[in-house]
Amino acid sequence: MRSRGGAVLLVALVVDSVGNGLFQPLSVLFFAKLTTVPLALIGVLLSAANALTLPVPLIAGRLADRMGPWVLVVAAQGAQGIGFLLFTRVTGPAGIFLTAALVAVGVRFFWSSVFTAVADFVDGSEKPRSKDSWFAWMNVTRTAGLAIGGLITGVVVTIGTPAAYRALAYGSAPCFLCAGVAIAARVRAPRRAESDAGGYRGMLRARPFLAFTGLNAVFALTSMMLALGLPVFVTVGLHGPPWLAPAMLVGNTVLLTVLTAPAVRLVSPLRRTRVLMASAVLWAAWCLAFALLVPGQLGWVVPVLLGATFLFTAAEAVHGPVSQSLATELSPPGARGRYLAVFQYSFTVASLVAPAFFTTLFEVGYWLPWLVLGVVNVFAALAVRWLERVIPVAATT
């Protein structure tokens, strides 16, 4: 069986990302506007709902190998669509927790299975496009979809009425449901034979894979730090104008959308490990440039901010697709679902660590988070160079 429906798959991923972009920035504000639940309790409930999903990748990986990943991808999108519809009916804490948990489980199942699904699709495709290229296009579609959704969300915030917020949920739900239906109806890929030999117990002996997963947590943490830290750094640390950070984040999004696919093609002749080393070095340079900035001198600070952020964008453009491809190549085909699901824990750990990492160091000095992160990335580049010695050459090319 040959894979088919690649164009439908990419369009469905765009639609899915639009749905995420519509709602992702407003999860707390949505419930604050439409319920009488205190803001602090809303935050606790949403955090608890997300914590509930921590075991999901282990379950999703096993199911992806046994049932195939496409079933999980479609079911995850259905869960998110239904969850967003139910959001409009929520009135109290129990409803917030249950509906948020449904959406969070759907999100976690989706990201724990979609990379396995795409890797299987590439294996059965007649077209010579590599996994790196497919993962690059996934990044492009997700970035574009999030940007479109974010723009619509900005309009909703400007209007600010309860009806506008409900319309946001009603608009998000069809995005996920339509994407799921399109994938179920039009996308086909060959099934892999499951193999227990490379399962979770075997994974404990796969030291290169485990080492790379741990190392990728550093890269994932770094990739989150621009959106997380830039607004506070610019406005509080550098006393810059409030519009500067949002403008830079929009520029980062646009550049990622435009540059990711060409950048991945450009580095395709290189070893994946060397590309990741280069990403770490670029991130280190970005961090160290930020650490050297001082408040009250915007004449030269702004150009350095923009130039350093371009370094961040260049690193981010190639890291995502290349790291995912390397993780795929380090996974036994018969246990790919389990391995790639576990690999997603590197992003989960990073998302848990990132807020505390930034705020704790920022309280000491506005420059300290960037200095520490830059030094960590230098060591990460050296660690990738060491890891290259024990990774099979076929996985790095």
Protein backbone atom coordinates (compact mmCIF):
# COMPACT_ATOMS: atom_id res chain seq x y z
CA MET A 1 0.00 0.00 0.00
CA ARG A 2 1.25 3.44 -0.97
CA SER A 3 0.60 6.61 0.98
CA ARG A 4 -1.81 9.12 -0.47
CA GLY A 5 -3.49 12.34 0.56
CA GLY A 6 -0.39 14.36 1.40
CA ALA A 7 -1.94 17.68 0.36
CA VAL A 8 -5.06 16.94 2.40
CA LEU A 9 -2.86 16.11 5.39
CA LEU A 10 -1.02 19.44 5.20
CA VAL A 11 -4.26 21.42 4.82
CA ALA A 12 -5.79 19.52 7.75
CA LEU A 13 -2.76 20.40 9.89
CA VAL A 14 -3.19 24.08 8.97
CA VAL A 15 -6.87 23.95 9.97
CA ASP A 16 -5.98 22.18 13.21
CA SER A 17 -3.38 24.85 13.99
CA VAL A 18 -5.87 27.64 13.28
CA GLY A 19 -8.10 26.06 15.92
CA ASN A 20 -5.21 26.03 18.39
CA GLY A 21 -4.29 29.60 17.50
CA LEU A 22 -7.84 30.76 18.07
CA PHE A 23 -8.00 29.49 21.61
CA GLN A 24 -4.51 28.82 22.94
CA PRO A 25 -3.77 32.40 24.09
CA LEU A 26 -7.19 32.84 25.76
CA SER A 27 -7.79 29.71 27.82
CA VAL A 28 -7.64 31.55 31.17
CA LEU A 29 -9.35 34.72 29.95
CA PHE A 30 -12.16 32.73 28.31
CA PHE A 31 -13.33 31.17 31.56
CA ALA A 32 -12.75 34.41 33.45
CA LYS A 33 -15.12 36.20 31.05
CA LEU A 34 -17.86 33.56 30.91
CA THR A 35 -17.91 32.23 34.48
CA THR A 36 -17.80 33.63 38.02
CA VAL A 37 -14.94 31.32 39.03
CA PRO A 38 -12.01 33.29 40.58
CA LEU A 39 -9.01 33.77 38.31
CA ALA A 40 -6.59 32.01 40.68
CA LEU A 41 -8.83 28.93 40.84
CA ILE A 42 -9.12 28.88 37.04
CA GLY A 43 -5.33 28.72 36.80
CA VAL A 44 -5.17 25.85 39.30
CA LEU A 45 -7.89 23.91 37.47
CA LEU A 46 -6.20 24.32 34.09
CA SER A 47 -2.83 23.27 35.53
CA ALA A 48 -4.45 20.21 37.14
CA ALA A 49 -6.12 19.30 33.85
CA ASN A 50 -2.78 19.45 32.07
CA ALA A 51 -1.02 17.48 34.80
CA LEU A 52 -3.59 14.73 34.27
CA THR A 53 -2.19 14.17 30.78
CA LEU A 54 1.38 13.34 31.80
CA PRO A 55 0.93 9.54 31.35
CA VAL A 56 -0.75 10.00 27.96
CA PRO A 57 2.38 9.70 25.75
CA LEU A 58 3.17 6.26 27.20
CA ILE A 59 -0.37 5.09 26.44
CA ALA A 60 -0.48 6.80 23.05
CA GLY A 61 2.82 5.30 21.94
CA ARG A 62 1.67 1.76 22.73
CA LEU A 63 -1.65 2.28 20.98
CA ALA A 64 0.02 3.87 17.95
CA ASP A 65 2.12 0.74 17.43
CA ARG A 66 -0.80 -1.60 18.03
CA MET A 67 -3.69 0.19 16.28
CA GLY A 68 -1.86 2.59 14.00
CA PRO A 69 -1.31 6.31 14.71
CA TRP A 70 -4.00 7.64 12.39
CA VAL A 71 -6.83 6.41 14.61
CA LEU A 72 -5.33 8.35 17.50
CA VAL A 73 -4.78 11.50 15.43
CA VAL A 74 -8.41 11.56 14.30
CA ALA A 75 -9.77 10.69 17.76
CA ALA A 76 -7.60 13.41 19.34
CA GLN A 77 -8.96 16.03 16.99
CA GLY A 78 -12.48 14.87 17.74
CA ALA A 79 -11.87 15.18 21.48
CA GLN A 80 -10.57 18.71 21.06
CA GLY A 81 -13.51 19.73 18.87
CA ILE A 82 -16.08 18.35 21.31
CA GLY A 83 -14.21 19.91 24.23
CA PHE A 84 -14.34 23.37 22.70
CA LEU A 85 -18.07 23.01 22.06
CA LEU A 86 -18.57 22.06 25.71
CA PHE A 87 -16.55 25.08 26.83
CA THR A 88 -19.53 27.28 25.97
CA ARG A 89 -21.70 25.35 28.49
CA VAL A 90 -19.34 25.61 31.44
CA THR A 91 -20.53 27.51 34.51
CA GLY A 92 -18.44 26.25 37.46
CA PRO A 93 -15.13 24.73 38.58
CA ALA A 94 -16.09 21.11 37.83
CA GLY A 95 -17.05 22.00 34.28
CA ILE A 96 -13.83 23.93 33.73
CA PHE A 97 -11.73 21.00 34.95
CA LEU A 98 -13.58 18.30 33.00
CA THR A 99 -13.74 20.15 29.68
CA ALA A 100 -10.16 21.41 29.97
CA ALA A 101 -9.03 17.86 30.77
CA LEU A 102 -10.83 16.53 27.66
CA VAL A 103 -9.10 19.10 25.45
CA ALA A 104 -5.73 18.60 27.15
CA VAL A 105 -5.93 14.82 26.69
CA GLY A 106 -6.81 15.37 23.02
CA VAL A 107 -3.85 17.72 22.56
CA ARG A 108 -1.46 15.30 24.24
CA PHE A 109 -2.70 12.31 22.22
CA PHE A 110 -2.40 14.35 19.02
CA TRP A 111 1.21 15.40 19.56
CA SER A 112 2.13 11.93 20.83
CA SER A 113 0.94 10.28 17.62
CA VAL A 114 1.05 12.76 14.74
CA PHE A 115 4.83 12.52 14.19
CA THR A 116 4.59 8.73 14.01
CA ALA A 117 1.74 9.10 11.54
CA VAL A 118 3.73 11.44 9.31
CA ALA A 119 6.84 9.22 9.48
CA ASP A 120 4.72 6.23 8.41
CA PHE A 121 3.26 8.36 5.62
CA VAL A 122 6.73 9.27 4.36
CA ASP A 123 7.85 5.63 4.42
CA GLY A 124 4.98 4.71 2.10
CA SER A 125 5.20 7.72 -0.20
CA GLU A 126 6.35 7.47 -3.81
CA LYS A 127 7.66 11.03 -3.70
CA PRO A 128 11.31 11.45 -2.66
CA ARG A 129 10.61 14.10 -0.01
CA SER A 130 12.54 13.28 3.18
CA LYS A 131 11.24 13.11 6.73
CA ASP A 132 13.17 16.31 7.42
CA SER A 133 11.22 18.08 4.67
CA TRP A 134 7.87 16.73 5.87
CA PHE A 135 8.56 17.77 9.44
CA ALA A 136 9.63 21.17 8.13
CA TRP A 137 6.33 21.59 6.30
CA MET A 138 4.52 20.49 9.46
CA ASN A 139 6.27 23.32 11.31
CA VAL A 140 5.37 25.76 8.55
CA THR A 141 1.70 24.81 8.55
CA ARG A 142 1.51 24.90 12.34
CA THR A 143 3.19 28.31 12.53
CA ALA A 144 0.95 29.74 9.82
CA GLY A 145 -2.19 28.31 11.43
CA LEU A 146 -1.27 29.63 14.87
CA ALA A 147 -0.60 33.06 13.36
CA ILE A 148 -3.98 33.14 11.59
CA GLY A 149 -5.75 32.02 14.73
CA GLY A 150 -3.84 34.54 16.81
CA LEU A 151 -4.89 37.41 14.56
CA ILE A 152 -8.55 36.42 14.89
CA THR A 153 -8.09 36.13 18.65
CA GLY A 154 -6.80 39.71 18.71
CA VAL A 155 -10.07 40.86 17.16
CA VAL A 156 -12.06 38.92 19.78
CA VAL A 157 -10.09 40.52 22.63
CA THR A 158 -10.72 43.95 21.11
CA ILE A 159 -14.47 43.31 20.98
CA GLY A 160 -14.39 41.79 24.47
CA THR A 161 -18.04 40.70 24.75
CA PRO A 162 -19.17 37.28 26.07
CA ALA A 163 -20.74 36.58 22.68
CA ALA A 164 -17.38 37.15 20.98
CA TYR A 165 -15.68 34.69 23.32
CA ARG A 166 -18.38 32.07 22.71
CA ALA A 167 -17.97 32.60 18.98
CA LEU A 168 -14.28 31.87 19.42
CA ALA A 169 -15.05 28.44 20.91
CA TYR A 170 -17.67 27.76 18.25
CA GLY A 171 -15.09 28.69 15.62
CA SER A 172 -12.34 26.51 17.10
CA ALA A 173 -14.43 23.34 17.32
CA PRO A 174 -15.16 22.95 13.58
CA CYS A 175 -11.44 23.41 12.80
CA PHE A 176 -10.56 20.27 14.75
CA LEU A 177 -13.61 18.29 13.63
CA CYS A 178 -13.11 19.15 9.95
CA ALA A 179 -9.39 18.32 10.14
CA GLY A 180 -10.18 14.94 11.70
CA VAL A 181 -12.83 14.11 9.12
CA ALA A 182 -10.54 15.11 6.23
CA ILE A 183 -7.69 12.93 7.49
CA ALA A 184 -10.00 9.97 8.14
CA ALA A 185 -11.57 10.23 4.69
CA ARG A 186 -8.63 11.05 2.43
CA VAL A 187 -5.26 10.22 4.03
CA ARG A 188 -3.88 6.69 3.75
CA ALA A 189 -0.52 5.21 4.77
CA PRO A 190 0.82 1.66 5.13
CA ARG A 191 0.62 -0.06 8.50
CA ARG A 192 3.82 -1.05 10.25
CA ALA A 193 4.23 -4.43 11.91
CA GLU A 194 4.40 -3.99 15.69
CA SER A 195 7.46 -5.34 17.45
CA ASP A 196 7.75 -5.77 21.22
CA ALA A 197 11.53 -6.12 20.95
CA GLY A 198 11.87 -2.37 20.73
CA GLY A 199 9.21 -1.52 23.31
CA TYR A 200 9.56 0.41 26.54
CA ARG A 201 11.81 -2.20 28.16
CA GLY A 202 14.01 -2.24 25.09
CA MET A 203 14.02 1.55 25.15
CA LEU A 204 15.86 1.49 28.48
CA ARG A 205 18.77 -0.13 26.63
CA ALA A 206 18.63 2.39 23.76
CA ARG A 207 21.06 4.81 25.36
CA PRO A 208 21.66 7.06 22.33
CA PHE A 209 17.91 7.62 21.99
CA LEU A 210 17.44 8.31 25.71
CA ALA A 211 20.46 10.61 25.79
CA PHE A 212 19.18 12.56 22.79
CA THR A 213 15.70 12.83 24.31
CA GLY A 214 17.20 14.29 27.49
CA LEU A 215 19.39 16.65 25.51
CA ASN A 216 16.45 17.79 23.42
CA ALA A 217 14.77 19.03 26.60
CA VAL A 218 17.46 21.74 26.67
CA PHE A 219 16.70 22.67 23.06
CA ALA A 220 12.95 22.62 23.71
CA LEU A 221 13.42 24.88 26.74
CA THR A 222 15.45 27.28 24.63
CA SER A 223 12.87 27.35 21.83
CA MET A 224 10.15 28.35 24.33
CA MET A 225 12.15 31.13 25.92
CA LEU A 226 11.63 33.84 23.30
CA ALA A 227 7.83 33.92 23.58
CA LEU A 228 7.97 33.39 27.33
CA GLY A 229 10.70 35.85 28.25
CA LEU A 230 10.83 38.54 25.59
CA PRO A 231 7.82 40.66 26.71
CA VAL A 232 9.05 40.86 30.32
CA PHE A 233 12.68 41.32 29.28
CA VAL A 234 11.92 44.19 26.90
CA THR A 235 9.39 46.09 29.01
CA VAL A 236 10.70 45.47 32.55
CA GLY A 237 14.38 44.70 32.01
CA LEU A 238 15.20 47.13 29.20
CA HIS A 239 12.39 49.69 29.80
CA GLY A 240 11.45 49.42 26.14
CA PRO A 241 8.13 50.44 24.55
CA PRO A 242 5.26 47.95 25.07
CA TRP A 243 4.76 47.44 21.32
CA LEU A 244 8.33 46.26 20.67
CA ALA A 245 8.10 42.69 22.00
CA PRO A 246 4.81 41.83 20.23
CA ALA A 247 6.20 43.24 16.98
CA MET A 248 9.32 41.08 17.33
CA LEU A 249 7.26 37.97 18.06
CA VAL A 250 5.15 38.60 14.97
CA GLY A 251 8.33 39.02 12.93
CA ASN A 252 9.65 35.75 14.35
CA THR A 253 6.44 33.97 13.32
CA VAL A 254 6.53 35.39 9.79
CA LEU A 255 10.20 34.48 9.32
CA LEU A 256 9.62 30.95 10.60
CA THR A 257 6.77 30.48 8.15
CA VAL A 258 8.89 31.72 5.24
CA LEU A 259 12.32 30.29 6.13
CA THR A 260 11.74 26.85 7.64
CA ALA A 261 11.34 24.80 4.47
CA PRO A 262 14.21 26.51 2.54
CA ALA A 263 16.48 26.34 5.60
CA VAL A 264 15.90 22.60 6.01
CA ARG A 265 16.65 22.06 2.30
CA LEU A 266 19.83 24.12 2.69
CA VAL A 267 21.17 22.01 5.55
CA SER A 268 19.99 18.66 4.15
CA PRO A 269 23.51 17.65 2.91
CA LEU A 270 24.85 17.99 6.47
CA ARG A 271 24.67 15.44 9.27
CA ARG A 272 21.67 15.99 11.48
CA THR A 273 23.92 16.11 14.53
CA ARG A 274 26.00 18.90 12.98
CA VAL A 275 22.83 20.88 12.23
CA LEU A 276 21.75 20.54 15.86
CA MET A 277 25.19 21.65 17.01
CA ALA A 278 24.88 24.72 14.79
CA SER A 279 21.42 25.43 16.25
CA ALA A 280 22.82 25.26 19.77
CA VAL A 281 25.65 27.65 18.85
CA LEU A 282 23.19 30.12 17.25
CA TRP A 283 20.98 29.95 20.33
CA ALA A 284 24.00 30.52 22.57
CA ALA A 285 24.95 33.60 20.52
CA TRP A 286 21.35 34.88 20.76
CA CYS A 287 21.33 34.43 24.54
CA LEU A 288 24.71 36.03 25.11
CA ALA A 289 23.73 39.02 22.94
CA PHE A 290 20.59 39.50 25.05
CA ALA A 291 22.65 39.21 28.25
CA LEU A 292 24.85 42.13 27.13
CA LEU A 293 21.94 44.55 26.56
CA VAL A 294 21.39 47.41 28.98
CA PRO A 295 18.30 49.54 29.73
CA GLY A 296 17.86 53.09 28.58
CA GLN A 297 19.95 52.89 25.38
CA LEU A 298 17.39 51.88 22.77
CA GLY A 299 19.37 53.50 19.95
CA TRP A 300 21.74 50.54 19.76
CA VAL A 301 19.78 48.03 21.86
CA VAL A 302 16.92 47.68 19.36
CA PRO A 303 19.15 46.74 16.38
CA VAL A 304 20.98 44.19 18.54
CA LEU A 305 17.63 42.80 19.74
CA LEU A 306 16.47 42.36 16.16
CA GLY A 307 19.73 40.83 14.96
CA ALA A 308 19.94 38.44 17.89
CA THR A 309 16.32 37.39 17.43
CA PHE A 310 17.11 36.51 13.82
CA LEU A 311 19.77 34.12 15.15
CA PHE A 312 17.10 32.55 17.37
CA THR A 313 14.75 32.20 14.39
CA ALA A 314 17.41 30.57 12.21
CA ALA A 315 18.16 28.02 14.94
CA GLU A 316 14.49 27.31 15.59
CA ALA A 317 13.72 26.87 11.88
CA VAL A 318 16.04 23.87 11.53
CA HIS A 319 15.97 22.43 15.05
CA GLY A 320 12.35 21.22 15.04
CA PRO A 321 12.35 19.22 11.78
CA VAL A 322 15.91 17.89 12.17
CA SER A 323 15.53 16.82 15.80
CA GLN A 324 12.26 15.05 15.04
CA SER A 325 13.86 13.27 12.09
CA LEU A 326 16.83 12.16 14.18
CA ALA A 327 14.49 10.83 16.88
CA THR A 328 12.57 8.94 14.18
CA GLU A 329 15.73 7.38 12.78
CA LEU A 330 16.80 6.31 16.27
CA SER A 331 13.47 4.52 16.76
CA PRO A 332 13.01 0.84 15.78
CA PRO A 333 10.31 0.81 13.04
CA GLY A 334 8.19 -1.72 14.94
CA ALA A 335 8.15 0.46 18.07
CA ARG A 336 8.22 3.90 16.45
CA GLY A 337 5.00 4.99 18.12
CA ARG A 338 6.36 4.34 21.61
CA TYR A 339 9.73 5.93 20.96
CA LEU A 340 8.37 9.11 19.36
CA ALA A 341 5.73 9.44 22.06
CA VAL A 342 8.43 9.28 24.74
CA PHE A 343 10.47 11.81 22.76
CA GLN A 344 7.62 14.29 23.27
CA TYR A 345 8.40 14.23 26.99
CA SER A 346 11.41 16.43 26.22
CA PHE A 347 8.95 19.19 25.29
CA THR A 348 6.69 18.41 28.25
CA VAL A 349 9.57 18.69 30.71
CA ALA A 350 10.70 21.92 29.07
CA SER A 351 7.21 23.44 29.35
CA LEU A 352 7.12 22.61 33.06
CA VAL A 353 10.60 24.00 33.75
CA ALA A 354 10.57 27.10 31.54
CA PRO A 355 8.40 29.51 33.60
CA ALA A 356 10.25 28.84 36.87
CA PHE A 357 13.64 28.90 35.13
CA PHE A 358 13.03 32.32 33.62
CA THR A 359 11.27 34.06 36.50
CA THR A 360 13.64 32.81 39.21
CA LEU A 361 16.75 33.98 37.36
CA PHE A 362 15.12 37.20 36.14
CA GLU A 363 14.42 38.19 39.76
CA VAL A 364 18.19 38.06 40.38
CA GLY A 365 19.14 39.98 37.24
CA TYR A 366 17.38 40.74 33.95
CA TRP A 367 20.46 39.45 32.09
CA LEU A 368 20.90 36.24 34.09
CA PRO A 369 18.36 33.92 32.35
CA TRP A 370 20.02 34.62 29.01
CA LEU A 371 23.57 34.15 30.32
CA VAL A 372 22.72 30.81 31.96
CA LEU A 373 20.76 29.59 28.93
CA GLY A 374 23.58 30.60 26.60
CA VAL A 375 26.14 28.66 28.63
CA VAL A 376 23.82 25.65 28.77
CA ASN A 377 23.52 25.70 24.97
CA VAL A 378 27.31 25.76 24.59
CA PHE A 379 27.49 22.60 26.70
CA ALA A 380 24.57 21.13 24.73
CA ALA A 381 26.48 21.64 21.47
CA LEU A 382 29.46 19.80 22.96
CA ALA A 383 27.13 17.05 24.18
CA VAL A 384 25.73 16.57 20.67
CA ARG A 385 29.28 16.26 19.35
CA TRP A 386 29.94 13.52 21.92
CA LEU A 387 26.63 11.83 21.14
CA GLU A 388 27.50 11.77 17.44
CA ARG A 389 30.17 9.15 18.21
CA VAL A 390 27.61 6.61 19.46
CA ILE A 391 24.76 7.32 17.03
CA PRO A 392 24.71 5.17 13.88
CA VAL A 393 25.88 7.18 10.89
CA ALA A 394 22.75 6.18 8.94
CA ALA A 395 20.58 7.98 11.51
CA THR A 396 22.51 11.24 11.22
CA THR A 397 22.33 11.59 7.41
